[in-house]
């Protein structure tokens, strides 16, 4: 793609690195920004820079947060003894949108995937086990996507915590096998949480 300006080309190349955006879409976005007032582009640039440089993660659950403890963990109305284990922050947002879950979360930051070089030590599994060891957790809900990597991660964590006095469950398979949690509709996801089953039962189908 021949472009008339090196500055435009550099902007297009940077925008095109974002997921789901090709060179043509990147060019359209870059040209759109050129048509906007300068302060609007500057506000976008500042917001993105602050997002990257100032964002923090909750010390309790590893969710994205503006403070040391996120709004969910600091909410006294949430059930502290109920922890929903998810892959990343997109899953937290998906579940929160159902309006049906009143517990807390634990964000792993990924799933075990040996092919991509992701092992248990690279995920936030140890801090989850430490919470359970402390004895304040009553139930752990496994809410990872119904994929081979998700099931592997669920089972690994289950083996780490099964000796403790904690109930383990998994969301019902209203979420289709192979689906990513973030793409499930709110009604299906909400029902899957409400009709969760003991994790041991789910092993029969794996």
N, C-alpha and C. Protein backbone atom coordinates (compact mmCIF):
# COMPACT_ATOMS: atom_id res chain seq x y z
N UNK A 1 0.85 -1.20 0.00
CA UNK A 1 0.00 0.00 0.00
C UNK A 1 0.89 1.24 0.00
N UNK A 2 0.85 1.99 -1.11
CA UNK A 2 1.64 3.20 -1.23
C UNK A 2 0.92 4.36 -0.56
N UNK A 3 1.59 5.03 0.37
CA UNK A 3 1.00 6.17 1.07
C UNK A 3 1.79 7.43 0.76
N UNK A 4 1.12 8.58 0.71
CA UNK A 4 1.80 9.83 0.32
C UNK A 4 2.66 10.45 1.41
N UNK A 5 2.59 9.92 2.63
CA UNK A 5 3.31 10.53 3.75
C UNK A 5 3.91 9.45 4.64
N UNK A 6 5.15 9.67 5.04
CA UNK A 6 5.80 8.74 5.96
C UNK A 6 5.15 8.80 7.33
N UNK A 7 4.69 9.98 7.74
CA UNK A 7 4.01 10.12 9.02
C UNK A 7 2.71 9.31 9.02
N UNK A 8 1.98 9.38 7.91
CA UNK A 8 0.74 8.61 7.78
C UNK A 8 1.04 7.12 7.78
N UNK A 9 2.09 6.74 7.07
CA UNK A 9 2.47 5.33 7.01
C UNK A 9 2.83 4.79 8.40
N UNK A 10 3.57 5.58 9.18
CA UNK A 10 3.95 5.14 10.53
C UNK A 10 2.71 4.97 11.41
N UNK A 11 1.77 5.92 11.29
CA UNK A 11 0.54 5.83 12.09
C UNK A 11 -0.26 4.60 11.70
N UNK A 12 -0.39 4.35 10.40
CA UNK A 12 -1.13 3.19 9.92
C UNK A 12 -0.49 1.90 10.41
N UNK A 13 0.82 1.83 10.36
CA UNK A 13 1.53 0.62 10.80
C UNK A 13 1.31 0.35 12.29
N UNK A 14 1.27 1.41 13.09
CA UNK A 14 1.06 1.25 14.53
C UNK A 14 -0.38 0.82 14.82
N UNK A 15 -1.34 1.46 14.17
CA UNK A 15 -2.75 1.12 14.39
C UNK A 15 -3.03 -0.30 13.93
N UNK A 16 -2.39 -0.72 12.85
CA UNK A 16 -2.63 -2.05 12.29
C UNK A 16 -2.13 -3.17 13.20
N UNK A 17 -1.34 -2.84 14.21
CA UNK A 17 -0.87 -3.86 15.16
C UNK A 17 -1.95 -4.24 16.17
N UNK A 18 -3.02 -3.46 16.24
CA UNK A 18 -4.12 -3.79 17.15
C UNK A 18 -4.88 -5.00 16.62
N UNK A 19 -5.39 -5.86 17.52
CA UNK A 19 -6.07 -7.07 17.07
C UNK A 19 -7.33 -6.78 16.26
N UNK A 20 -7.49 -7.50 15.15
CA UNK A 20 -8.68 -7.37 14.33
C UNK A 20 -8.66 -6.19 13.39
N UNK A 21 -7.54 -5.48 13.31
CA UNK A 21 -7.46 -4.30 12.44
C UNK A 21 -6.40 -4.53 11.37
N UNK A 22 -6.83 -4.50 10.11
CA UNK A 22 -5.91 -4.63 8.99
C UNK A 22 -5.42 -3.27 8.53
N UNK A 23 -4.60 -3.28 7.49
CA UNK A 23 -4.01 -2.03 7.00
C UNK A 23 -5.07 -1.06 6.48
N UNK A 24 -6.09 -1.57 5.79
CA UNK A 24 -7.12 -0.69 5.23
C UNK A 24 -7.94 -0.01 6.34
N UNK A 25 -8.30 -0.80 7.35
CA UNK A 25 -9.03 -0.21 8.48
C UNK A 25 -8.16 0.78 9.23
N UNK A 26 -6.87 0.45 9.38
CA UNK A 26 -5.93 1.36 10.05
C UNK A 26 -5.82 2.67 9.29
N UNK A 27 -5.79 2.59 7.97
CA UNK A 27 -5.71 3.81 7.15
C UNK A 27 -6.98 4.64 7.33
N UNK A 28 -8.13 4.00 7.35
CA UNK A 28 -9.39 4.72 7.52
C UNK A 28 -9.42 5.44 8.86
N UNK A 29 -8.93 4.76 9.92
CA UNK A 29 -8.91 5.38 11.25
C UNK A 29 -7.93 6.55 11.30
N UNK A 30 -6.77 6.37 10.69
CA UNK A 30 -5.76 7.43 10.68
C UNK A 30 -6.28 8.67 9.95
N UNK A 31 -6.93 8.45 8.80
CA UNK A 31 -7.49 9.58 8.05
C UNK A 31 -8.63 10.25 8.81
N UNK A 32 -9.39 9.44 9.54
CA UNK A 32 -10.47 10.01 10.38
C UNK A 32 -9.87 10.94 11.44
N UNK A 33 -8.78 10.50 12.07
CA UNK A 33 -8.15 11.33 13.10
C UNK A 33 -7.62 12.63 12.52
N UNK A 34 -7.15 12.57 11.28
CA UNK A 34 -6.64 13.78 10.64
C UNK A 34 -7.74 14.82 10.43
N UNK A 35 -8.97 14.35 10.29
CA UNK A 35 -10.09 15.26 10.06
C UNK A 35 -10.66 15.85 11.36
N UNK A 36 -10.24 15.29 12.49
CA UNK A 36 -10.76 15.75 13.78
C UNK A 36 -9.94 16.91 14.32
N UNK A 37 -10.53 17.70 15.24
CA UNK A 37 -9.75 18.78 15.88
C UNK A 37 -8.51 18.20 16.56
N UNK A 38 -7.45 18.96 16.59
CA UNK A 38 -6.18 18.49 17.14
C UNK A 38 -6.32 18.07 18.59
N UNK A 39 -7.12 18.82 19.38
CA UNK A 39 -7.24 18.49 20.80
C UNK A 39 -7.93 17.14 21.02
N UNK A 40 -8.82 16.73 20.09
CA UNK A 40 -9.47 15.44 20.22
C UNK A 40 -8.46 14.30 20.05
N UNK A 41 -7.58 14.45 19.07
CA UNK A 41 -6.53 13.46 18.87
C UNK A 41 -5.56 13.44 20.05
N UNK A 42 -5.29 14.62 20.58
CA UNK A 42 -4.39 14.71 21.73
C UNK A 42 -5.01 14.06 22.96
N UNK A 43 -6.32 14.24 23.15
CA UNK A 43 -7.02 13.61 24.27
C UNK A 43 -6.96 12.08 24.16
N UNK A 44 -7.13 11.57 22.93
CA UNK A 44 -7.04 10.14 22.71
C UNK A 44 -5.65 9.63 23.04
N UNK A 45 -4.65 10.34 22.56
CA UNK A 45 -3.26 9.95 22.81
C UNK A 45 -2.95 9.95 24.31
N UNK A 46 -3.42 10.99 25.01
CA UNK A 46 -3.17 11.08 26.46
C UNK A 46 -3.87 9.97 27.22
N UNK A 47 -5.12 9.68 26.83
CA UNK A 47 -5.89 8.63 27.50
C UNK A 47 -5.21 7.26 27.33
N UNK A 48 -4.74 6.98 26.12
CA UNK A 48 -4.08 5.70 25.87
C UNK A 48 -2.76 5.60 26.64
N UNK A 49 -2.03 6.71 26.69
CA UNK A 49 -0.76 6.69 27.42
C UNK A 49 -0.99 6.46 28.91
N UNK A 50 -2.01 7.16 29.47
CA UNK A 50 -2.31 6.98 30.89
C UNK A 50 -2.83 5.58 31.18
N UNK A 51 -3.61 5.05 30.25
CA UNK A 51 -4.10 3.68 30.41
C UNK A 51 -2.94 2.72 30.57
N UNK A 52 -1.94 2.89 29.73
CA UNK A 52 -0.80 1.96 29.74
C UNK A 52 0.15 2.21 30.91
N UNK A 53 0.33 3.46 31.28
CA UNK A 53 1.35 3.79 32.28
C UNK A 53 0.82 3.83 33.71
N UNK A 54 -0.50 4.09 33.89
CA UNK A 54 -1.02 4.31 35.23
C UNK A 54 -2.00 3.23 35.71
N UNK A 55 -2.43 2.35 34.81
CA UNK A 55 -3.40 1.33 35.21
C UNK A 55 -2.78 0.38 36.23
N UNK A 56 -3.57 -0.08 37.16
CA UNK A 56 -3.07 -1.02 38.16
C UNK A 56 -4.01 -2.22 38.23
N UNK A 57 -3.61 -3.21 38.99
CA UNK A 57 -4.41 -4.43 39.14
C UNK A 57 -4.70 -4.66 40.61
N UNK A 58 -5.92 -5.10 40.88
CA UNK A 58 -6.36 -5.31 42.25
C UNK A 58 -5.46 -6.30 42.97
N UNK A 59 -5.05 -5.96 44.18
CA UNK A 59 -4.19 -6.84 44.96
C UNK A 59 -4.92 -8.09 45.44
N UNK A 60 -6.24 -8.03 45.44
CA UNK A 60 -7.03 -9.16 45.92
C UNK A 60 -7.36 -10.15 44.80
N UNK A 61 -7.84 -9.63 43.65
CA UNK A 61 -8.35 -10.53 42.60
C UNK A 61 -7.64 -10.39 41.26
N UNK A 62 -6.76 -9.40 41.11
CA UNK A 62 -6.00 -9.15 39.88
C UNK A 62 -6.84 -8.57 38.75
N UNK A 63 -8.01 -8.05 39.07
CA UNK A 63 -8.82 -7.36 38.07
C UNK A 63 -8.24 -5.97 37.83
N UNK A 64 -8.49 -5.40 36.67
CA UNK A 64 -8.05 -4.03 36.40
C UNK A 64 -8.72 -3.08 37.39
N UNK A 65 -7.94 -2.15 37.89
CA UNK A 65 -8.46 -1.25 38.92
C UNK A 65 -7.71 0.07 38.92
N UNK A 66 -8.39 1.13 39.36
CA UNK A 66 -7.71 2.41 39.53
C UNK A 66 -7.05 2.51 40.90
N UNK A 67 -7.41 1.59 41.80
CA UNK A 67 -6.88 1.61 43.15
C UNK A 67 -6.27 0.26 43.51
N UNK A 68 -5.65 0.19 44.68
CA UNK A 68 -5.01 -1.05 45.11
C UNK A 68 -6.02 -2.19 45.24
N UNK A 69 -7.23 -1.85 45.68
CA UNK A 69 -8.32 -2.83 45.79
C UNK A 69 -9.45 -2.37 44.88
N UNK A 70 -9.93 -3.27 44.03
CA UNK A 70 -10.95 -2.89 43.05
C UNK A 70 -12.31 -2.65 43.71
N UNK A 71 -13.24 -2.10 42.95
CA UNK A 71 -14.57 -1.77 43.47
C UNK A 71 -15.34 -3.02 43.90
N UNK A 72 -15.11 -4.12 43.22
CA UNK A 72 -15.82 -5.35 43.57
C UNK A 72 -15.32 -5.90 44.90
N UNK A 73 -14.02 -6.01 45.04
CA UNK A 73 -13.46 -6.56 46.29
C UNK A 73 -13.71 -5.67 47.49
N UNK A 74 -13.80 -4.37 47.27
CA UNK A 74 -14.02 -3.43 48.38
C UNK A 74 -15.49 -3.25 48.72
N UNK A 75 -16.36 -3.85 47.92
CA UNK A 75 -17.80 -3.73 48.14
C UNK A 75 -18.23 -4.67 49.28
N UNK A 76 -18.70 -4.12 50.38
CA UNK A 76 -19.06 -4.93 51.56
C UNK A 76 -20.28 -5.81 51.30
N UNK A 77 -21.02 -5.53 50.24
CA UNK A 77 -22.21 -6.32 49.92
C UNK A 77 -21.90 -7.59 49.14
N UNK A 78 -20.66 -7.71 48.65
CA UNK A 78 -20.30 -8.91 47.89
C UNK A 78 -20.00 -10.07 48.84
N UNK A 79 -20.29 -11.29 48.39
CA UNK A 79 -20.03 -12.49 49.19
C UNK A 79 -18.55 -12.85 49.08
N UNK A 80 -17.79 -12.56 50.12
CA UNK A 80 -16.34 -12.75 50.10
C UNK A 80 -15.94 -14.22 50.06
N UNK A 81 -16.83 -15.09 50.53
CA UNK A 81 -16.49 -16.51 50.56
C UNK A 81 -16.75 -17.23 49.26
N UNK A 82 -17.26 -16.50 48.26
CA UNK A 82 -17.57 -17.08 46.95
C UNK A 82 -16.64 -16.47 45.91
N UNK A 83 -15.82 -17.30 45.29
CA UNK A 83 -14.84 -16.81 44.32
C UNK A 83 -15.09 -17.45 42.95
N UNK A 84 -15.23 -16.62 41.95
CA UNK A 84 -15.40 -17.08 40.57
C UNK A 84 -14.06 -16.93 39.85
N UNK A 85 -13.51 -18.05 39.39
CA UNK A 85 -12.20 -18.05 38.74
C UNK A 85 -12.39 -17.85 37.23
N UNK A 86 -11.78 -16.79 36.69
CA UNK A 86 -11.91 -16.48 35.27
C UNK A 86 -10.54 -16.28 34.64
N UNK A 87 -10.55 -16.28 33.31
CA UNK A 87 -9.29 -16.14 32.58
C UNK A 87 -8.76 -14.72 32.61
N UNK A 88 -9.59 -13.75 32.23
CA UNK A 88 -9.12 -12.37 32.21
C UNK A 88 -10.24 -11.38 32.52
N UNK A 89 -9.91 -10.10 32.45
CA UNK A 89 -10.84 -9.06 32.88
C UNK A 89 -12.08 -8.99 32.00
N UNK A 90 -11.98 -9.44 30.75
CA UNK A 90 -13.16 -9.43 29.87
C UNK A 90 -14.23 -10.36 30.41
N UNK A 91 -13.81 -11.46 31.04
CA UNK A 91 -14.78 -12.39 31.61
C UNK A 91 -15.46 -11.80 32.83
N UNK A 92 -14.71 -11.03 33.62
CA UNK A 92 -15.32 -10.34 34.77
C UNK A 92 -16.43 -9.41 34.28
N UNK A 93 -16.13 -8.65 33.23
CA UNK A 93 -17.13 -7.71 32.70
C UNK A 93 -18.34 -8.45 32.15
N UNK A 94 -18.10 -9.59 31.49
CA UNK A 94 -19.22 -10.36 30.93
C UNK A 94 -20.14 -10.87 32.04
N UNK A 95 -19.54 -11.40 33.11
CA UNK A 95 -20.35 -11.92 34.22
C UNK A 95 -21.04 -10.80 34.97
N UNK A 96 -20.35 -9.69 35.18
CA UNK A 96 -20.97 -8.55 35.87
C UNK A 96 -22.17 -8.02 35.10
N UNK A 97 -22.12 -8.10 33.78
CA UNK A 97 -23.24 -7.62 32.96
C UNK A 97 -24.50 -8.45 33.14
N UNK A 98 -24.37 -9.67 33.66
CA UNK A 98 -25.57 -10.49 33.90
C UNK A 98 -26.36 -9.96 35.09
N UNK A 99 -25.67 -9.30 36.02
CA UNK A 99 -26.32 -8.78 37.22
C UNK A 99 -26.76 -9.87 38.19
N UNK A 100 -26.31 -11.10 37.99
CA UNK A 100 -26.79 -12.23 38.79
C UNK A 100 -25.75 -12.77 39.77
N UNK A 101 -24.51 -12.34 39.62
CA UNK A 101 -23.45 -12.88 40.48
C UNK A 101 -23.09 -11.87 41.56
N UNK A 102 -23.07 -12.32 42.82
CA UNK A 102 -22.83 -11.41 43.94
C UNK A 102 -21.56 -11.75 44.73
N UNK A 103 -20.75 -12.66 44.20
CA UNK A 103 -19.51 -13.00 44.87
C UNK A 103 -18.35 -12.15 44.38
N UNK A 104 -17.13 -12.66 44.56
CA UNK A 104 -15.93 -11.97 44.09
C UNK A 104 -15.28 -12.79 42.98
N UNK A 105 -14.13 -12.35 42.52
CA UNK A 105 -13.47 -12.99 41.39
C UNK A 105 -12.00 -13.30 41.71
N UNK A 106 -11.44 -14.13 40.83
CA UNK A 106 -9.99 -14.30 40.81
C UNK A 106 -9.59 -14.42 39.35
N UNK A 107 -8.83 -13.43 38.88
CA UNK A 107 -8.43 -13.37 37.47
C UNK A 107 -7.07 -14.04 37.31
N UNK A 108 -7.03 -15.11 36.54
CA UNK A 108 -5.80 -15.88 36.37
C UNK A 108 -4.80 -15.20 35.43
N UNK A 109 -5.31 -14.45 34.47
CA UNK A 109 -4.41 -13.83 33.49
C UNK A 109 -4.09 -14.73 32.32
N UNK A 110 -4.89 -15.77 32.11
CA UNK A 110 -4.66 -16.68 30.99
C UNK A 110 -5.08 -18.10 31.34
N UNK A 111 -4.71 -19.03 30.47
CA UNK A 111 -4.99 -20.45 30.68
C UNK A 111 -3.71 -21.24 30.42
N UNK A 112 -3.59 -22.38 31.05
CA UNK A 112 -2.44 -23.25 30.81
C UNK A 112 -2.45 -23.68 29.34
N UNK A 113 -1.35 -23.42 28.65
CA UNK A 113 -1.25 -23.75 27.23
C UNK A 113 0.20 -24.06 26.90
N UNK A 114 0.61 -25.33 27.05
CA UNK A 114 2.01 -25.70 26.81
C UNK A 114 2.51 -25.35 25.41
N UNK A 115 1.62 -25.40 24.42
CA UNK A 115 2.02 -25.11 23.04
C UNK A 115 2.51 -23.67 22.92
N UNK A 116 1.88 -22.77 23.67
CA UNK A 116 2.28 -21.36 23.65
C UNK A 116 3.25 -21.03 24.78
N UNK A 117 3.69 -22.06 25.49
CA UNK A 117 4.66 -21.86 26.55
C UNK A 117 4.10 -21.26 27.82
N UNK A 118 2.80 -21.41 28.04
CA UNK A 118 2.17 -20.87 29.24
C UNK A 118 1.93 -21.99 30.24
N UNK A 119 2.65 -21.95 31.35
CA UNK A 119 2.52 -22.95 32.39
C UNK A 119 1.85 -22.38 33.63
N UNK A 120 1.58 -23.21 34.62
CA UNK A 120 0.91 -22.75 35.85
C UNK A 120 1.63 -21.60 36.55
N UNK A 121 2.97 -21.61 36.50
CA UNK A 121 3.73 -20.59 37.22
C UNK A 121 3.55 -19.20 36.61
N UNK A 122 3.07 -19.13 35.38
CA UNK A 122 2.88 -17.85 34.72
C UNK A 122 1.48 -17.27 34.95
N UNK A 123 0.64 -18.03 35.63
CA UNK A 123 -0.71 -17.58 35.92
C UNK A 123 -0.84 -17.25 37.41
N UNK A 124 -1.93 -16.58 37.77
CA UNK A 124 -2.16 -16.18 39.16
C UNK A 124 -2.84 -17.32 39.94
N UNK A 125 -2.22 -18.48 39.93
CA UNK A 125 -2.79 -19.64 40.60
C UNK A 125 -2.36 -19.70 42.07
N UNK A 126 -1.12 -19.38 42.34
CA UNK A 126 -0.60 -19.46 43.71
C UNK A 126 -1.38 -18.55 44.65
N UNK A 127 -1.72 -17.35 44.20
CA UNK A 127 -2.45 -16.43 45.08
C UNK A 127 -3.86 -16.94 45.37
N UNK A 128 -4.44 -17.67 44.41
CA UNK A 128 -5.75 -18.29 44.64
C UNK A 128 -5.64 -19.37 45.70
N UNK A 129 -4.63 -20.21 45.57
CA UNK A 129 -4.42 -21.28 46.55
C UNK A 129 -4.16 -20.69 47.93
N UNK A 130 -3.42 -19.60 47.99
CA UNK A 130 -3.13 -18.94 49.27
C UNK A 130 -4.41 -18.42 49.93
N UNK A 131 -5.33 -17.88 49.11
CA UNK A 131 -6.62 -17.42 49.65
C UNK A 131 -7.37 -18.58 50.30
N UNK A 132 -7.37 -19.70 49.62
CA UNK A 132 -8.11 -20.87 50.11
C UNK A 132 -7.45 -21.43 51.36
N UNK A 133 -6.13 -21.43 51.39
CA UNK A 133 -5.40 -21.89 52.57
C UNK A 133 -5.75 -21.06 53.80
N UNK A 134 -6.03 -19.78 53.57
CA UNK A 134 -6.34 -18.88 54.69
C UNK A 134 -7.66 -19.25 55.36
N UNK A 135 -8.49 -20.03 54.65
CA UNK A 135 -9.69 -20.58 55.27
C UNK A 135 -10.94 -19.73 55.21
N UNK A 136 -10.93 -18.65 54.40
CA UNK A 136 -12.09 -17.77 54.33
C UNK A 136 -12.95 -18.00 53.09
N UNK A 137 -12.59 -19.01 52.29
CA UNK A 137 -13.32 -19.27 51.04
C UNK A 137 -14.24 -20.47 51.23
N UNK A 138 -15.49 -20.31 50.86
CA UNK A 138 -16.47 -21.39 50.99
C UNK A 138 -16.67 -22.15 49.68
N UNK A 139 -16.64 -21.42 48.56
CA UNK A 139 -16.86 -22.07 47.26
C UNK A 139 -16.02 -21.40 46.18
N UNK A 140 -15.46 -22.23 45.31
CA UNK A 140 -14.73 -21.75 44.14
C UNK A 140 -15.51 -22.19 42.90
N UNK A 141 -15.87 -21.22 42.06
CA UNK A 141 -16.59 -21.51 40.82
C UNK A 141 -15.60 -21.42 39.66
N UNK A 142 -15.41 -22.50 38.93
CA UNK A 142 -14.56 -22.47 37.75
C UNK A 142 -15.38 -21.95 36.58
N UNK A 143 -14.98 -20.80 36.04
CA UNK A 143 -15.73 -20.18 34.95
C UNK A 143 -14.81 -19.89 33.76
N UNK A 144 -13.91 -20.82 33.49
CA UNK A 144 -13.05 -20.67 32.32
C UNK A 144 -13.80 -21.16 31.08
N UNK A 145 -13.35 -20.73 29.93
CA UNK A 145 -13.99 -21.14 28.68
C UNK A 145 -13.92 -22.65 28.51
N UNK A 146 -14.95 -23.19 27.85
CA UNK A 146 -15.06 -24.65 27.67
C UNK A 146 -14.17 -25.13 26.52
N UNK A 147 -12.87 -24.95 26.69
CA UNK A 147 -11.89 -25.39 25.71
C UNK A 147 -10.94 -26.36 26.39
N UNK A 148 -10.09 -27.01 25.60
CA UNK A 148 -9.14 -27.95 26.18
C UNK A 148 -8.23 -27.24 27.18
N UNK A 149 -7.80 -26.02 26.84
CA UNK A 149 -6.93 -25.27 27.75
C UNK A 149 -7.67 -24.87 29.02
N UNK A 150 -8.94 -24.48 28.86
CA UNK A 150 -9.73 -24.11 30.03
C UNK A 150 -9.95 -25.29 30.96
N UNK A 151 -10.29 -26.45 30.38
CA UNK A 151 -10.52 -27.65 31.19
C UNK A 151 -9.23 -28.11 31.88
N UNK A 152 -8.11 -27.98 31.17
CA UNK A 152 -6.82 -28.35 31.75
C UNK A 152 -6.50 -27.46 32.95
N UNK A 153 -6.75 -26.18 32.80
CA UNK A 153 -6.48 -25.22 33.88
C UNK A 153 -7.39 -25.49 35.07
N UNK A 154 -8.68 -25.73 34.80
CA UNK A 154 -9.62 -26.06 35.87
C UNK A 154 -9.14 -27.26 36.67
N UNK A 155 -8.75 -28.31 35.96
CA UNK A 155 -8.35 -29.55 36.61
C UNK A 155 -7.06 -29.36 37.41
N UNK A 156 -6.13 -28.58 36.89
CA UNK A 156 -4.88 -28.33 37.61
C UNK A 156 -5.18 -27.62 38.93
N UNK A 157 -6.02 -26.59 38.88
CA UNK A 157 -6.35 -25.85 40.10
C UNK A 157 -7.10 -26.76 41.07
N UNK A 158 -8.01 -27.55 40.54
CA UNK A 158 -8.78 -28.47 41.38
C UNK A 158 -7.86 -29.40 42.17
N UNK A 159 -6.83 -29.90 41.52
CA UNK A 159 -5.88 -30.79 42.21
C UNK A 159 -5.12 -30.05 43.30
N UNK A 160 -4.90 -28.75 43.11
CA UNK A 160 -4.17 -27.96 44.10
C UNK A 160 -4.99 -27.66 45.34
N UNK A 161 -6.32 -27.65 45.20
CA UNK A 161 -7.16 -27.18 46.31
C UNK A 161 -8.10 -28.24 46.87
N UNK A 162 -8.13 -29.43 46.27
CA UNK A 162 -9.13 -30.41 46.67
C UNK A 162 -8.94 -30.91 48.11
N UNK A 163 -7.75 -30.76 48.66
CA UNK A 163 -7.50 -31.21 50.03
C UNK A 163 -8.07 -30.24 51.07
N UNK A 164 -8.45 -29.05 50.63
CA UNK A 164 -8.96 -28.05 51.56
C UNK A 164 -10.49 -28.15 51.67
N UNK A 165 -11.00 -27.60 52.76
CA UNK A 165 -12.45 -27.65 53.01
C UNK A 165 -13.14 -26.54 52.23
N UNK A 166 -13.25 -26.73 50.92
CA UNK A 166 -13.86 -25.73 50.06
C UNK A 166 -14.67 -26.44 48.98
N UNK A 167 -15.84 -25.94 48.72
CA UNK A 167 -16.69 -26.50 47.67
C UNK A 167 -16.19 -26.01 46.31
N UNK A 168 -16.15 -26.91 45.33
CA UNK A 168 -15.76 -26.52 43.97
C UNK A 168 -16.91 -26.81 43.01
N UNK A 169 -17.19 -25.86 42.14
CA UNK A 169 -18.25 -26.05 41.15
C UNK A 169 -17.78 -25.45 39.83
N UNK A 170 -18.53 -25.74 38.79
CA UNK A 170 -18.23 -25.18 37.47
C UNK A 170 -19.52 -24.71 36.83
N UNK A 171 -19.43 -23.70 35.99
CA UNK A 171 -20.63 -23.20 35.35
C UNK A 171 -21.25 -24.30 34.49
N UNK A 172 -22.56 -24.31 34.41
CA UNK A 172 -23.27 -25.33 33.62
C UNK A 172 -22.91 -25.16 32.15
N UNK A 173 -23.04 -26.23 31.39
CA UNK A 173 -22.63 -26.20 30.00
C UNK A 173 -23.65 -25.55 29.09
N UNK A 174 -24.38 -24.56 29.62
CA UNK A 174 -25.21 -23.73 28.75
C UNK A 174 -24.31 -22.94 27.82
N UNK A 175 -23.06 -22.76 28.28
CA UNK A 175 -22.05 -22.16 27.41
C UNK A 175 -21.48 -23.29 26.58
N UNK A 176 -21.60 -23.20 25.26
CA UNK A 176 -21.21 -24.31 24.39
C UNK A 176 -19.75 -24.67 24.53
N UNK A 177 -19.45 -25.96 24.41
CA UNK A 177 -18.07 -26.43 24.46
C UNK A 177 -17.28 -25.77 23.35
N UNK A 178 -16.12 -25.24 23.70
CA UNK A 178 -15.28 -24.57 22.71
C UNK A 178 -15.50 -23.07 22.63
N UNK A 179 -16.55 -22.57 23.29
CA UNK A 179 -16.85 -21.14 23.24
C UNK A 179 -16.01 -20.36 24.25
N UNK A 180 -15.65 -19.14 23.90
CA UNK A 180 -15.00 -18.24 24.84
C UNK A 180 -16.08 -17.58 25.68
N UNK A 181 -15.82 -17.44 26.96
CA UNK A 181 -16.82 -16.94 27.90
C UNK A 181 -17.31 -15.55 27.54
N UNK A 182 -16.40 -14.70 27.08
CA UNK A 182 -16.76 -13.30 26.83
C UNK A 182 -17.79 -13.14 25.73
N UNK A 183 -17.94 -14.16 24.86
CA UNK A 183 -18.88 -14.06 23.75
C UNK A 183 -20.25 -14.66 24.06
N UNK A 184 -20.40 -15.27 25.22
CA UNK A 184 -21.70 -15.84 25.60
C UNK A 184 -22.68 -14.71 25.89
N UNK A 185 -23.95 -14.92 25.48
CA UNK A 185 -24.93 -13.88 25.78
C UNK A 185 -25.21 -13.85 27.28
N UNK A 186 -25.71 -12.73 27.76
CA UNK A 186 -25.85 -12.50 29.20
C UNK A 186 -26.83 -13.48 29.85
N UNK A 187 -27.93 -13.80 29.15
CA UNK A 187 -28.91 -14.72 29.72
C UNK A 187 -28.31 -16.11 29.89
N UNK A 188 -27.63 -16.61 28.84
CA UNK A 188 -27.01 -17.93 28.91
C UNK A 188 -25.94 -17.98 29.98
N UNK A 189 -25.12 -16.95 30.04
CA UNK A 189 -24.04 -16.90 31.03
C UNK A 189 -24.61 -16.83 32.43
N UNK A 190 -25.63 -16.02 32.62
CA UNK A 190 -26.25 -15.90 33.95
C UNK A 190 -26.85 -17.21 34.41
N UNK A 191 -27.54 -17.90 33.52
CA UNK A 191 -28.12 -19.20 33.87
C UNK A 191 -27.04 -20.23 34.16
N UNK A 192 -25.94 -20.17 33.43
CA UNK A 192 -24.85 -21.11 33.65
C UNK A 192 -24.26 -20.95 35.05
N UNK A 193 -24.23 -19.71 35.53
CA UNK A 193 -23.73 -19.45 36.89
C UNK A 193 -24.72 -19.94 37.94
N UNK A 194 -26.00 -19.63 37.70
CA UNK A 194 -27.02 -20.01 38.68
C UNK A 194 -27.18 -21.53 38.78
N UNK A 195 -27.00 -22.23 37.67
CA UNK A 195 -27.20 -23.67 37.64
C UNK A 195 -25.87 -24.42 37.60
N UNK A 196 -24.86 -23.82 38.25
CA UNK A 196 -23.55 -24.47 38.27
C UNK A 196 -23.63 -25.84 38.94
N UNK A 197 -22.68 -26.71 38.59
CA UNK A 197 -22.68 -28.08 39.10
C UNK A 197 -21.38 -28.35 39.84
N UNK A 198 -21.36 -29.34 40.74
CA UNK A 198 -20.10 -29.69 41.42
C UNK A 198 -19.02 -30.02 40.39
N UNK A 199 -17.82 -29.54 40.63
CA UNK A 199 -16.75 -29.72 39.64
C UNK A 199 -16.46 -31.20 39.41
N UNK A 200 -16.54 -32.01 40.48
CA UNK A 200 -16.28 -33.45 40.34
C UNK A 200 -17.20 -34.08 39.30
N UNK A 201 -18.44 -33.61 39.22
CA UNK A 201 -19.38 -34.14 38.23
C UNK A 201 -18.96 -33.84 36.81
N UNK A 202 -18.33 -32.69 36.62
CA UNK A 202 -17.93 -32.31 35.26
C UNK A 202 -16.81 -33.17 34.74
N UNK A 203 -16.05 -33.80 35.64
CA UNK A 203 -14.92 -34.64 35.21
C UNK A 203 -15.42 -35.88 34.47
N UNK A 204 -16.65 -36.28 34.70
CA UNK A 204 -17.19 -37.47 34.05
C UNK A 204 -17.36 -37.28 32.56
N UNK A 205 -17.43 -35.99 32.16
CA UNK A 205 -17.70 -35.71 30.76
C UNK A 205 -16.45 -35.30 30.00
N UNK A 206 -15.31 -35.29 30.67
CA UNK A 206 -14.06 -34.89 30.03
C UNK A 206 -13.26 -36.12 29.61
